[in-house]
Amino acid sequence: MNPAMEEAARKAAEDRLDEALEESFPASDSPAVTAFVEGGRVMEEICEFMSGDHDRLDALLARSGGAAGVELDEFASLLVRHMDWEERLLFPALSRKVGADSVASADTMRLQHEEFKRQIEALRRCPREDETLRRNLLGVLVEALSDHNFAEEYYIYPWIDGALDPAEKAGILTVMKTDQGRTSP
């Protein structure tokens, strides 16, 4: 593809993203958004909300014991939702604010998200009678999630909270809380 076509494709992708974000985020003066903002301060930070979601996911995975079944399926479904929030809402919002500096971090997180999906699928396929394999697979997943969550909670989410203005954070929180209400267990 020649440079002019690449630039046109990049611009078209950015325009589609902007349109999708405009559809996802309510107007900053809507009641849904202003409910999360008081005196120009967001009542709940992205980091607080997403860290709480990490805690809920960790507890659900622990209850499942990594065994295929309803709890593992519920964990997988809620983890996919969590990763979707990051990839659809948080990473693009950060990228718009800070530009290319955030792209490498987001790309790393996305690659790890894909690996988590593969690890969960391996747990689902693990024979019930192979306790050693299941424990090993679960251990690898728990350790990888722990490292990933640490990076998000201590670097990525605070970066997002610092980069976005209160109305942007409130809009994102509104979307995530609406999604959460639709898919809560």
Protein backbone atom coordinates (compact mmCIF):
# COMPACT_ATOMS: atom_id res chain seq x y z
CA MET A 1 0.00 0.00 0.00
CA ASN A 2 1.40 3.41 -0.90
CA PRO A 3 1.89 6.07 1.82
CA ALA A 4 -1.16 8.11 0.74
CA MET A 5 -3.41 5.04 0.91
CA GLU A 6 -1.97 4.07 4.31
CA GLU A 7 -2.65 7.58 5.62
CA ALA A 8 -6.22 7.50 4.25
CA ALA A 9 -6.82 4.09 5.87
CA ARG A 10 -5.39 5.33 9.19
CA LYS A 11 -7.58 8.45 9.07
CA ALA A 12 -10.68 6.39 8.25
CA ALA A 13 -9.94 4.07 11.20
CA GLU A 14 -9.50 7.07 13.52
CA ASP A 15 -12.79 8.55 12.30
CA ARG A 16 -14.61 5.25 12.94
CA LEU A 17 -13.10 5.11 16.44
CA ASP A 18 -14.15 8.70 17.15
CA GLU A 19 -17.70 7.92 15.99
CA ALA A 20 -17.84 4.78 18.13
CA LEU A 21 -16.62 6.68 21.17
CA GLU A 22 -19.13 9.48 20.60
CA GLU A 23 -21.89 6.85 20.51
CA SER A 24 -20.53 5.13 23.64
CA PHE A 25 -20.07 8.22 25.79
CA PRO A 26 -23.10 10.26 26.79
CA ALA A 27 -22.86 14.03 26.47
CA SER A 28 -20.84 15.42 29.38
CA ASP A 29 -23.85 17.37 30.68
CA SER A 30 -26.16 14.33 30.77
CA PRO A 31 -27.49 13.20 34.18
CA ALA A 32 -25.68 9.87 33.84
CA VAL A 33 -22.32 11.61 33.54
CA THR A 34 -22.91 14.38 36.06
CA ALA A 35 -23.90 11.75 38.64
CA PHE A 36 -20.23 10.64 38.64
CA VAL A 37 -18.82 14.18 38.79
CA GLU A 38 -19.04 16.45 41.80
CA GLY A 39 -17.29 19.79 41.90
CA GLY A 40 -15.23 18.88 38.84
CA ARG A 41 -13.95 15.73 40.54
CA VAL A 42 -14.88 12.22 39.44
CA MET A 43 -16.53 10.44 42.36
CA GLU A 44 -14.85 7.17 41.41
CA GLU A 45 -11.59 6.87 39.55
CA ILE A 46 -10.97 4.43 36.71
CA CYS A 47 -8.26 2.77 38.82
CA GLU A 48 -10.65 2.22 41.73
CA PHE A 49 -13.37 0.74 39.52
CA MET A 50 -11.09 -1.52 37.49
CA SER A 51 -9.10 -2.67 40.55
CA GLY A 52 -12.39 -3.65 42.18
CA ASP A 53 -13.23 -5.63 39.07
CA HIS A 54 -9.83 -7.37 39.30
CA ASP A 55 -10.68 -8.36 42.88
CA ARG A 56 -14.07 -9.77 41.83
CA LEU A 57 -12.45 -11.72 38.99
CA ASP A 58 -9.70 -13.09 41.25
CA ALA A 59 -12.29 -14.31 43.77
CA LEU A 60 -14.35 -15.98 41.06
CA LEU A 61 -11.32 -17.74 39.58
CA ALA A 62 -10.30 -18.94 43.04
CA ARG A 63 -13.81 -20.33 43.65
CA SER A 64 -13.69 -22.16 40.32
CA GLY A 65 -10.42 -23.84 41.21
CA GLY A 66 -9.73 -23.80 37.50
CA ALA A 67 -12.14 -26.66 36.95
CA ALA A 68 -14.27 -26.52 33.83
CA GLY A 69 -17.82 -25.61 34.67
CA VAL A 70 -20.17 -22.76 35.42
CA GLU A 71 -17.78 -20.76 37.62
CA LEU A 72 -14.91 -20.96 35.13
CA ASP A 73 -17.29 -20.01 32.32
CA GLU A 74 -18.58 -17.07 34.36
CA PHE A 75 -15.01 -15.99 35.13
CA ALA A 76 -14.06 -16.21 31.45
CA SER A 77 -17.11 -14.22 30.38
CA LEU A 78 -16.49 -11.45 32.93
CA LEU A 79 -12.77 -11.36 32.13
CA VAL A 80 -13.59 -10.89 28.43
CA ARG A 81 -15.92 -8.02 29.38
CA HIS A 82 -13.17 -6.46 31.51
CA MET A 83 -10.62 -6.74 28.69
CA ASP A 84 -13.17 -5.30 26.26
CA TRP A 85 -13.55 -2.20 28.47
CA GLU A 86 -9.81 -1.73 28.35
CA GLU A 87 -9.44 -2.30 24.62
CA ARG A 88 -12.62 -0.50 23.51
CA LEU A 89 -12.72 2.39 25.99
CA LEU A 90 -9.64 2.91 28.13
CA PHE A 91 -6.72 2.34 25.76
CA PRO A 92 -8.19 4.45 22.92
CA ALA A 93 -9.04 7.26 25.36
CA LEU A 94 -5.48 7.25 26.68
CA SER A 95 -4.07 7.14 23.17
CA ARG A 96 -6.12 10.18 22.16
CA LYS A 97 -4.73 12.10 25.14
CA VAL A 98 -1.07 11.13 25.13
CA GLY A 99 -0.58 9.77 21.63
CA ALA A 100 2.03 7.26 20.64
CA ASP A 101 3.48 6.97 24.16
CA SER A 102 0.54 4.81 25.19
CA VAL A 103 0.47 2.56 22.12
CA ALA A 104 3.26 0.19 23.21
CA SER A 105 1.71 -0.27 26.66
CA ALA A 106 -1.72 -0.95 25.18
CA ASP A 107 -0.27 -3.36 22.63
CA THR A 108 1.49 -5.30 25.42
CA MET A 109 -1.76 -5.49 27.41
CA ARG A 110 -3.66 -6.71 24.32
CA LEU A 111 -1.12 -9.47 23.69
CA GLN A 112 -1.46 -10.58 27.30
CA HIS A 113 -5.26 -10.54 26.95
CA GLU A 114 -4.99 -12.97 24.04
CA GLU A 115 -2.72 -15.22 26.09
CA PHE A 116 -5.26 -15.25 28.96
CA LYS A 117 -7.95 -16.41 26.54
CA ARG A 118 -5.69 -19.28 25.41
CA GLN A 119 -4.89 -20.23 29.03
CA ILE A 120 -8.58 -20.31 29.96
CA GLU A 121 -9.32 -22.50 26.96
CA ALA A 122 -6.55 -24.88 28.09
CA LEU A 123 -8.20 -25.08 31.52
CA ARG A 124 -11.55 -25.82 29.91
CA ARG A 125 -10.01 -28.68 27.89
CA CYS A 126 -8.09 -30.12 30.85
CA PRO A 127 -9.44 -33.56 31.80
CA ARG A 128 -11.15 -33.45 35.22
CA GLU A 129 -9.09 -36.40 36.41
CA ASP A 130 -5.75 -34.70 35.63
CA GLU A 131 -5.48 -32.68 38.85
CA THR A 132 -1.75 -32.00 38.41
CA LEU A 133 -2.17 -30.50 34.95
CA ARG A 134 -5.16 -28.41 36.07
CA ARG A 135 -3.25 -27.02 39.07
CA ASN A 136 -0.26 -26.19 36.85
CA LEU A 137 -2.44 -24.45 34.26
CA LEU A 138 -4.28 -22.55 36.98
CA GLY A 139 -0.99 -21.54 38.61
CA VAL A 140 0.35 -20.15 35.34
CA LEU A 141 -2.86 -18.19 34.73
CA VAL A 142 -3.01 -16.81 38.29
CA GLU A 143 0.63 -15.69 38.15
CA ALA A 144 0.22 -14.07 34.73
CA LEU A 145 -2.98 -12.28 35.82
CA SER A 146 -1.28 -11.09 39.01
CA ASP A 147 1.62 -9.53 37.08
CA HIS A 148 -0.76 -8.06 34.51
CA ASN A 149 -3.09 -6.60 37.14
CA PHE A 150 -0.16 -5.09 39.02
CA ALA A 151 0.99 -3.28 35.87
CA GLU A 152 -2.52 -2.01 35.23
CA GLU A 153 -3.27 -0.94 38.79
CA TYR A 154 0.04 0.79 39.45
CA TYR A 155 0.88 2.17 36.01
CA ILE A 156 -1.82 2.01 33.33
CA TYR A 157 -4.96 2.98 35.29
CA PRO A 158 -3.30 5.85 37.20
CA TRP A 159 -1.92 7.08 33.87
CA ILE A 160 -5.45 7.03 32.45
CA ASP A 161 -6.88 8.77 35.53
CA GLY A 162 -4.23 11.47 35.25
CA ALA A 163 -4.66 11.98 31.51
CA LEU A 164 -8.45 12.15 31.22
CA ASP A 165 -10.58 15.03 32.39
CA PRO A 166 -13.45 14.38 34.83
CA ALA A 167 -16.15 14.33 32.15
CA GLU A 168 -14.22 11.78 30.05
CA LYS A 169 -13.66 9.52 33.06
CA ALA A 170 -17.30 9.86 34.06
CA GLY A 171 -18.41 8.95 30.53
CA ILE A 172 -16.24 5.85 30.53
CA LEU A 173 -17.43 4.84 34.00
CA THR A 174 -21.03 5.29 32.88
CA VAL A 175 -20.52 2.92 29.96
CA MET A 176 -18.72 0.34 32.11
CA LYS A 177 -21.29 0.45 34.90
CA THR A 178 -24.10 0.11 32.36
CA ASP A 179 -22.32 -2.91 30.84
CA GLN A 180 -21.76 -4.31 34.31
CA GLY A 181 -25.43 -4.06 35.15
CA ARG A 182 -26.33 -5.99 32.00
CA THR A 183 -23.89 -8.82 32.66
CA SER A 184 -23.66 -9.10 36.44
CA PRO A 185 -23.91 -12.60 37.82
